[in-house]
Amino acid sequence: MLDRACVPRIQRSIPGPGAAALIIGKRLFHICSPNEVLVVIGARSTVDGRAVGYRIAKHTLEGNRRDILSQLNLEEVNQERYRGLMKTRPRLVLPAAILVALLVGLVAFTAVAADDVDVRKGGSHWARIESGGEVRIDGRIVGKIEQDGSVRVGGSIAGRVEGDGAIRDGGSIAGRVEKDGTLRRGGTIIGRIEDGGAIRRNGSIWGSASPCCASFDDRRQITALLFFFDRGFFSR
């Protein structure tokens, strides 16, 4: 059904409260000139869960009655075509699946990267213990710390940090890391690995490890790095 309505132009110089009434009126009324017709086409309906409302079109009254009706009918046909496209448009399922896969991969990558431990000496980055145990210093892989505490420097076994914290260098016990992070060379305290990852040597902050040190195994790993890859730390 085609509904037609024309509203005469409203004088715009209304002062005071009339201005507010005019603003409200402009939202409720559509204004057209005497030689125009205002057409309201269609009714409200729901397409794929979305509310689709009527359309409003202005037409200038030029030509004969048949031409005007042809223009109005064309507006109605265009709206019906739009509704048909909305109902038959393809659903994009594949991009959503790809997005989910990317998010899962990002979470997995973040979890793996979080296992890497960065060690700073002074204020500068010095070494990294990767999630697989590889030791990088200045960007180069120089060795590996195994899960059982064995330490490889280059391709050769250099020693081991035992499960109880004993440090073995070539088969002989050279020092120890205690449960609270205290580091000893022989019977002498050299330093300490604190809970938050701060590394102290002779009472002063030497550097830090992050993330570290939630468990005793974390402290054993840092101890292996300090003893076998920076011999100066355990020197007296």
Protein backbone atom coordinates (compact mmCIF):
# COMPACT_ATOMS: atom_id res chain seq x y z
CA MET A 1 0.00 0.00 0.00
CA LEU A 2 1.24 3.50 -0.87
CA ASP A 3 0.64 6.26 1.69
CA ARG A 4 1.09 9.84 0.60
CA ALA A 5 1.43 12.84 2.88
CA CYS A 6 2.46 16.40 2.35
CA VAL A 7 2.92 18.92 5.11
CA PRO A 8 3.10 22.66 4.35
CA ARG A 9 6.35 24.37 5.14
CA ILE A 10 6.56 25.69 8.72
CA GLN A 11 7.66 29.17 9.62
CA ARG A 12 11.12 28.80 11.23
CA SER A 13 11.25 32.02 13.25
CA ILE A 14 9.31 30.79 16.31
CA PRO A 15 10.97 32.19 19.47
CA GLY A 16 11.27 30.69 22.96
CA PRO A 17 9.35 27.45 23.66
CA GLY A 18 8.25 27.38 20.04
CA ALA A 19 11.85 26.51 19.03
CA ALA A 20 11.78 23.33 21.09
CA ALA A 21 8.40 22.42 19.63
CA LEU A 22 9.84 22.97 16.16
CA ILE A 23 12.77 20.59 16.81
CA ILE A 24 10.39 17.88 18.00
CA GLY A 25 8.09 18.55 15.10
CA LYS A 26 10.92 18.18 12.57
CA ARG A 27 11.56 14.67 13.88
CA LEU A 28 7.88 13.74 13.59
CA PHE A 29 7.05 15.45 10.27
CA HIS A 30 8.67 15.38 6.86
CA ILE A 31 8.30 18.66 4.98
CA CYS A 32 7.88 18.92 1.25
CA SER A 33 7.20 21.83 -1.07
CA PRO A 34 3.85 22.28 -2.86
CA ASN A 35 5.14 20.63 -6.04
CA GLU A 36 6.49 17.53 -4.21
CA VAL A 37 4.89 14.36 -2.96
CA LEU A 38 6.15 12.44 0.09
CA VAL A 39 5.88 8.65 -0.28
CA VAL A 40 6.00 6.15 2.59
CA ILE A 41 6.64 2.66 1.18
CA GLY A 42 6.36 -0.76 2.81
CA ALA A 43 5.83 -1.95 6.37
CA ARG A 44 8.13 -3.00 9.21
CA SER A 45 9.37 -6.61 9.04
CA THR A 46 12.20 -8.79 10.37
CA VAL A 47 14.87 -10.19 8.03
CA ASP A 48 17.55 -12.48 9.55
CA GLY A 49 16.88 -11.07 12.99
CA ARG A 50 17.17 -7.46 11.82
CA ALA A 51 14.26 -5.01 11.80
CA VAL A 52 13.69 -3.56 8.31
CA GLY A 53 11.38 -0.55 8.24
CA TYR A 54 9.54 1.48 5.67
CA ARG A 55 11.29 3.83 3.28
CA ILE A 56 10.53 7.50 2.64
CA ALA A 57 11.05 9.06 -0.78
CA LYS A 58 10.37 12.54 -2.15
CA HIS A 59 9.21 12.98 -5.73
CA THR A 60 8.72 16.19 -7.69
CA LEU A 61 5.32 16.33 -9.34
CA GLU A 62 6.49 16.63 -12.93
CA GLY A 63 4.88 14.87 -15.87
CA ASN A 64 1.49 13.20 -16.07
CA ARG A 65 -0.20 10.93 -13.55
CA ARG A 66 1.05 7.74 -15.26
CA ASP A 67 4.71 8.83 -14.96
CA ILE A 68 4.28 9.61 -11.26
CA LEU A 69 2.71 6.21 -10.54
CA SER A 70 5.54 4.50 -12.45
CA GLN A 71 8.09 6.25 -10.24
CA LEU A 72 6.24 5.21 -7.09
CA ASN A 73 5.93 1.59 -8.21
CA LEU A 74 9.68 1.51 -8.97
CA GLU A 75 10.44 2.53 -5.38
CA GLU A 76 8.31 -0.34 -4.08
CA VAL A 77 9.98 -2.86 -6.43
CA ASN A 78 13.46 -1.74 -5.33
CA GLN A 79 12.58 -2.32 -1.68
CA GLU A 80 11.26 -5.82 -2.44
CA ARG A 81 14.54 -6.62 -4.24
CA TYR A 82 16.48 -5.44 -1.20
CA ARG A 83 14.47 -7.74 1.06
CA GLY A 84 15.13 -10.66 -1.28
CA LEU A 85 18.88 -10.03 -1.21
CA MET A 86 18.85 -9.90 2.60
CA LYS A 87 17.11 -13.28 2.76
CA THR A 88 19.38 -15.03 0.24
CA ARG A 89 22.79 -13.51 1.01
CA PRO A 90 25.48 -16.18 1.71
CA ARG A 91 26.76 -16.69 5.22
CA LEU A 92 30.52 -16.34 5.72
CA VAL A 93 31.39 -19.32 7.90
CA LEU A 94 34.98 -19.88 6.77
CA PRO A 95 36.38 -16.49 7.91
CA ALA A 96 34.95 -17.07 11.39
CA ALA A 97 36.65 -20.49 11.58
CA ILE A 98 39.95 -18.96 10.46
CA LEU A 99 39.63 -16.25 13.11
CA VAL A 100 39.09 -18.86 15.83
CA ALA A 101 42.12 -20.82 14.62
CA LEU A 102 44.27 -17.68 14.69
CA LEU A 103 43.16 -16.87 18.22
CA VAL A 104 43.97 -20.41 19.40
CA GLY A 105 47.40 -20.18 17.77
CA LEU A 106 48.05 -16.81 19.39
CA VAL A 107 47.18 -18.17 22.83
CA ALA A 108 49.43 -21.20 22.29
CA PHE A 109 52.31 -18.99 21.10
CA THR A 110 51.90 -16.71 24.11
CA ALA A 111 51.95 -19.70 26.47
CA VAL A 112 55.17 -21.03 24.91
CA ALA A 113 56.85 -17.62 24.87
CA ALA A 114 55.96 -17.16 28.54
CA ASP A 115 58.20 -20.15 29.42
CA ASP A 116 61.31 -18.32 28.19
CA VAL A 117 63.37 -16.76 30.98
CA ASP A 118 65.25 -13.53 30.31
CA VAL A 119 68.25 -12.76 32.50
CA ARG A 120 69.67 -9.28 32.89
CA LYS A 121 73.13 -8.41 34.17
CA GLY A 122 73.24 -4.92 35.61
CA GLY A 123 70.73 -3.02 33.50
CA SER A 124 71.33 -4.89 30.23
CA HIS A 125 69.89 -8.06 28.77
CA TRP A 126 72.49 -10.81 29.05
CA ALA A 127 70.99 -14.25 28.43
CA ARG A 128 67.81 -16.17 27.69
CA ILE A 129 66.84 -19.68 28.72
CA GLU A 130 64.31 -20.87 26.17
CA SER A 131 61.39 -23.16 26.92
CA GLY A 132 63.34 -26.17 25.59
CA GLY A 133 66.37 -25.37 27.80
CA GLU A 134 68.55 -23.78 25.12
CA VAL A 135 70.77 -21.00 26.44
CA ARG A 136 71.22 -17.89 24.31
CA ILE A 137 73.83 -15.26 25.09
CA ASP A 138 74.03 -12.22 22.83
CA GLY A 139 71.58 -13.96 20.49
CA ARG A 140 73.69 -17.12 20.00
CA ILE A 141 72.87 -20.57 21.36
CA VAL A 142 75.86 -21.49 23.52
CA GLY A 143 74.52 -24.48 25.40
CA LYS A 144 71.56 -26.18 26.99
CA ILE A 145 70.19 -26.92 30.45
CA GLU A 146 68.38 -30.26 30.50
CA GLN A 147 65.30 -30.97 32.61
CA ASP A 148 67.32 -33.33 34.85
CA GLY A 149 69.80 -30.52 35.60
CA SER A 150 72.54 -31.64 33.20
CA VAL A 151 74.33 -28.73 31.54
CA ARG A 152 75.84 -28.73 28.07
CA VAL A 153 78.28 -26.05 27.00
CA GLY A 154 78.67 -26.19 23.27
CA GLY A 155 78.01 -29.85 22.58
CA SER A 156 79.69 -31.33 25.67
CA ILE A 157 78.39 -32.13 29.16
CA ALA A 158 79.99 -29.63 31.55
CA GLY A 159 78.26 -30.53 34.79
CA ARG A 160 74.95 -30.80 36.57
CA VAL A 161 72.77 -29.17 39.21
CA GLU A 162 71.30 -32.03 41.23
CA GLY A 163 67.71 -32.24 42.42
CA ASP A 164 68.84 -31.36 45.96
CA GLY A 165 70.69 -28.25 44.68
CA ALA A 166 74.24 -29.62 44.64
CA ILE A 167 76.36 -28.19 41.82
CA ARG A 168 78.63 -30.76 40.18
CA ASP A 169 81.49 -29.51 38.03
CA GLY A 170 83.18 -32.36 36.18
CA GLY A 171 81.93 -34.89 38.73
CA SER A 172 83.00 -32.94 41.85
CA ILE A 173 80.65 -30.91 44.06
CA ALA A 174 81.63 -27.26 43.65
CA GLY A 175 78.73 -25.49 45.31
CA ARG A 176 75.03 -25.53 46.11
CA VAL A 177 71.77 -23.66 45.73
CA GLU A 178 69.55 -23.95 48.77
CA LYS A 179 65.74 -24.04 48.89
CA ASP A 180 65.53 -20.35 49.78
CA GLY A 181 67.77 -19.41 46.83
CA THR A 182 71.02 -18.96 48.76
CA LEU A 183 74.05 -19.70 46.56
CA ARG A 184 77.20 -21.23 48.04
CA ARG A 185 80.67 -21.89 46.68
CA GLY A 186 82.11 -24.58 48.91
CA GLY A 187 80.85 -23.45 52.31
CA THR A 188 80.87 -19.72 51.53
CA ILE A 189 77.75 -17.76 50.62
CA ILE A 190 78.21 -16.14 47.22
CA GLY A 191 74.79 -14.70 46.61
CA ARG A 192 71.07 -15.36 46.47
CA ILE A 193 68.23 -15.81 43.96
CA GLU A 194 65.20 -14.10 45.46
CA ASP A 195 61.53 -14.99 45.03
CA GLY A 196 60.82 -12.18 42.60
CA GLY A 197 63.80 -13.06 40.39
CA ALA A 198 66.32 -10.55 41.72
CA ILE A 199 69.85 -11.97 41.73
CA ARG A 200 72.22 -10.79 44.47
CA ARG A 201 75.99 -11.27 44.63
CA ASN A 202 77.84 -10.45 47.83
CA GLY A 203 74.78 -8.58 49.09
CA SER A 204 74.40 -6.29 46.07
CA ILE A 205 71.96 -6.61 43.17
CA TRP A 206 73.83 -8.28 40.31
CA GLY A 207 70.88 -8.68 37.93
CA SER A 208 67.49 -10.30 37.58
CA ALA A 209 65.61 -13.19 35.96
CA SER A 210 62.07 -12.92 34.59
CA PRO A 211 59.79 -14.74 34.89
CA CYS A 212 61.26 -16.37 37.99
CA CYS A 213 61.30 -17.94 40.58
CA ALA A 214 58.12 -19.75 41.56
CA SER A 215 59.77 -23.11 42.28
CA PHE A 216 63.05 -24.63 43.38
CA ASP A 217 63.52 -26.02 39.86
CA ASP A 218 63.49 -22.42 38.56
CA ARG A 219 66.30 -21.54 40.98
CA ARG A 220 68.29 -24.64 39.94
CA GLN A 221 68.02 -23.54 36.31
CA ILE A 222 69.24 -20.01 37.05
CA THR A 223 72.05 -21.45 39.18
CA ALA A 224 73.19 -23.62 36.25
CA LEU A 225 73.23 -20.55 34.02
CA LEU A 226 75.27 -18.50 36.49
CA PHE A 227 77.78 -21.23 37.33
CA PHE A 228 78.49 -22.69 33.87
CA PHE A 229 77.98 -19.67 31.61
CA ASP A 230 79.35 -16.86 33.79
CA ARG A 231 82.26 -18.27 35.79
CA GLY A 232 82.93 -14.89 37.33
CA PHE A 233 79.73 -14.99 39.38
CA PHE A 234 80.91 -17.88 41.60
CA SER A 235 84.50 -16.72 41.85
CA ARG A 236 85.56 -15.63 45.36
